[in-house]
Protein backbone atom coordinates (compact mmCIF):
# COMPACT_ATOMS: atom_id res chain seq x y z
CA MET A 1 -29.43 -9.45 4.38
CA ARG A 2 -27.29 -6.46 3.42
CA GLN A 3 -25.06 -6.56 0.39
CA GLN A 4 -21.34 -6.71 1.19
CA PRO A 5 -19.81 -3.19 0.89
CA THR A 6 -17.30 -2.49 -1.87
CA LEU A 7 -14.37 -0.77 -0.14
CA ALA A 8 -13.04 0.95 -3.27
CA TRP A 9 -12.14 4.43 -1.97
CA ARG A 10 -8.82 4.97 -0.18
CA MET A 11 -9.46 7.57 2.51
CA THR A 12 -7.19 9.44 4.91
CA LEU A 13 -8.56 9.74 8.44
CA GLU A 14 -7.70 13.16 9.93
CA GLU A 15 -8.16 14.79 13.32
CA ARG A 16 -8.25 18.51 14.10
CA GLN A 17 -5.36 19.74 16.25
CA ARG A 18 -4.50 23.10 17.73
CA VAL A 19 -0.90 24.23 17.37
CA SER A 20 0.80 27.27 18.81
CA ASP A 21 1.04 30.18 16.37
CA GLY A 22 4.16 31.53 18.14
CA ALA A 23 2.35 34.68 19.26
CA GLY A 24 0.46 33.29 22.24
CA GLY A 25 -2.46 32.00 20.24
CA PHE A 26 -3.36 28.87 18.36
CA ALA A 27 -3.97 27.82 14.79
CA GLU A 28 -5.95 24.80 13.62
CA THR A 29 -4.42 22.09 11.51
CA TRP A 30 -5.41 18.55 10.52
CA ALA A 31 -3.21 15.62 11.53
CA THR A 32 -3.24 12.34 9.60
CA LEU A 33 -4.19 9.32 11.72
CA GLY A 34 -4.00 6.69 8.97
CA GLN A 35 -5.61 5.20 5.88
CA LEU A 36 -8.99 3.45 5.55
CA TRP A 37 -10.81 1.93 2.59
CA ALA A 38 -14.46 2.96 2.22
CA ASP A 39 -17.67 2.38 0.31
CA ILE A 40 -19.34 5.76 -0.38
CA ASN A 41 -23.09 6.19 -0.95
CA THR A 42 -24.64 9.62 -1.51
CA ARG A 43 -27.82 10.13 0.53
CA GLY A 44 -28.89 13.68 -0.31
CA ALA A 45 -27.91 17.27 -0.93
CA SER A 46 -28.84 20.79 0.12
CA ASP A 47 -27.80 24.35 -0.78
CA GLY A 48 -25.06 25.98 1.23
CA ARG A 49 -22.70 28.93 1.10
CA LEU A 50 -18.91 29.12 1.46
CA ASP A 51 -16.75 32.24 1.51
CA ALA A 52 -15.88 31.43 -2.12
CA GLY A 53 -19.55 31.43 -3.16
CA PRO A 54 -22.57 29.14 -3.44
CA SER A 55 -22.07 25.51 -2.54
CA THR A 56 -23.86 22.20 -2.20
CA LYS A 57 -23.73 20.15 0.98
CA MET A 58 -23.71 16.48 0.05
CA ARG A 59 -24.72 13.91 2.68
CA HIS A 60 -23.04 10.52 2.45
CA ARG A 61 -23.07 7.16 4.17
CA LEU A 62 -19.62 5.60 4.17
CA VAL A 63 -18.83 2.05 5.24
CA VAL A 64 -15.35 1.09 6.50
CA ARG A 65 -13.89 -1.95 8.25
CA GLY A 66 -14.85 -2.24 11.90
CA ALA A 67 -12.56 -1.10 14.72
CA ASP A 68 -12.81 -1.41 18.48
CA GLU A 69 -14.06 1.71 20.29
CA THR A 70 -10.61 2.15 21.86
CA SER A 71 -8.74 1.98 18.54
CA PRO A 72 -7.22 5.26 17.26
CA MET A 73 -8.27 4.12 13.77
CA ARG A 74 -11.98 4.11 14.66
CA PRO A 75 -13.47 7.27 13.11
CA LYS A 76 -15.16 9.71 15.51
CA ILE A 77 -17.53 12.64 15.28
CA GLY A 78 -15.55 15.81 14.48
CA GLN A 79 -12.85 14.00 12.53
CA ARG A 80 -12.84 13.89 8.76
CA LEU A 81 -12.03 11.59 5.88
CA ARG A 82 -10.24 12.87 2.79
CA THR A 83 -9.69 11.41 -0.66
CA GLY A 84 -7.90 13.70 -3.08
CA SER A 85 -9.54 17.13 -2.83
CA ARG A 86 -12.78 15.68 -1.41
CA VAL A 87 -13.32 16.16 2.35
CA PHE A 88 -16.01 14.34 4.36
CA VAL A 89 -16.75 15.76 7.85
CA ILE A 90 -17.91 12.97 10.17
CA HIS A 91 -21.24 13.55 11.95
CA GLY A 92 -21.98 10.02 13.20
CA VAL A 93 -20.45 6.54 13.53
CA SER A 94 -22.12 3.22 14.38
CA GLU A 95 -21.74 -0.48 13.73
CA TRP A 96 -23.01 -1.44 10.28
CA ASP A 97 -24.48 -4.68 11.64
CA ALA A 98 -24.43 -6.86 14.75
CA SER A 99 -21.17 -8.61 13.74
CA GLY A 100 -19.17 -5.35 14.08
CA LEU A 101 -17.21 -6.26 10.95
CA TYR A 102 -17.96 -2.85 9.41
CA LEU A 103 -18.71 0.67 10.63
CA GLU A 104 -21.26 3.02 9.11
CA ILE A 105 -20.22 6.68 8.97
CA TRP A 106 -22.57 9.58 8.31
CA ALA A 107 -20.65 12.47 6.79
CA GLU A 108 -21.12 15.72 4.90
CA GLU A 109 -19.09 17.02 1.98
CA GLU A 110 -19.30 20.66 0.90
CA VAL A 111 -18.74 21.31 -2.80
CA LEU A 112 -18.51 24.71 -4.52
CA ALA A 113 -21.30 25.17 -7.04
């Protein structure tokens, strides 16, 4: 049996939105959908590169409370979770176990080296 997750990290769930730039084009922004509490477990890392220089891509498994598939508070691929200056881009979401009490989120965080 799995150990109960410790939901100790307050996260902001965000979704990418396109807004008019006033000149006929669009700009991207992130809209806040709400707050979730998460358990964060690091699963690995690899080298990366940002415009600001070398970086490390950290892979994480996050666990949050379950939500129905129709709920706007159920994280989705392409959204992100933020806590402070840390940003976790969501790459996958599934039920943590058969009860559906928790969701498992696979995410990546890019950190400047």
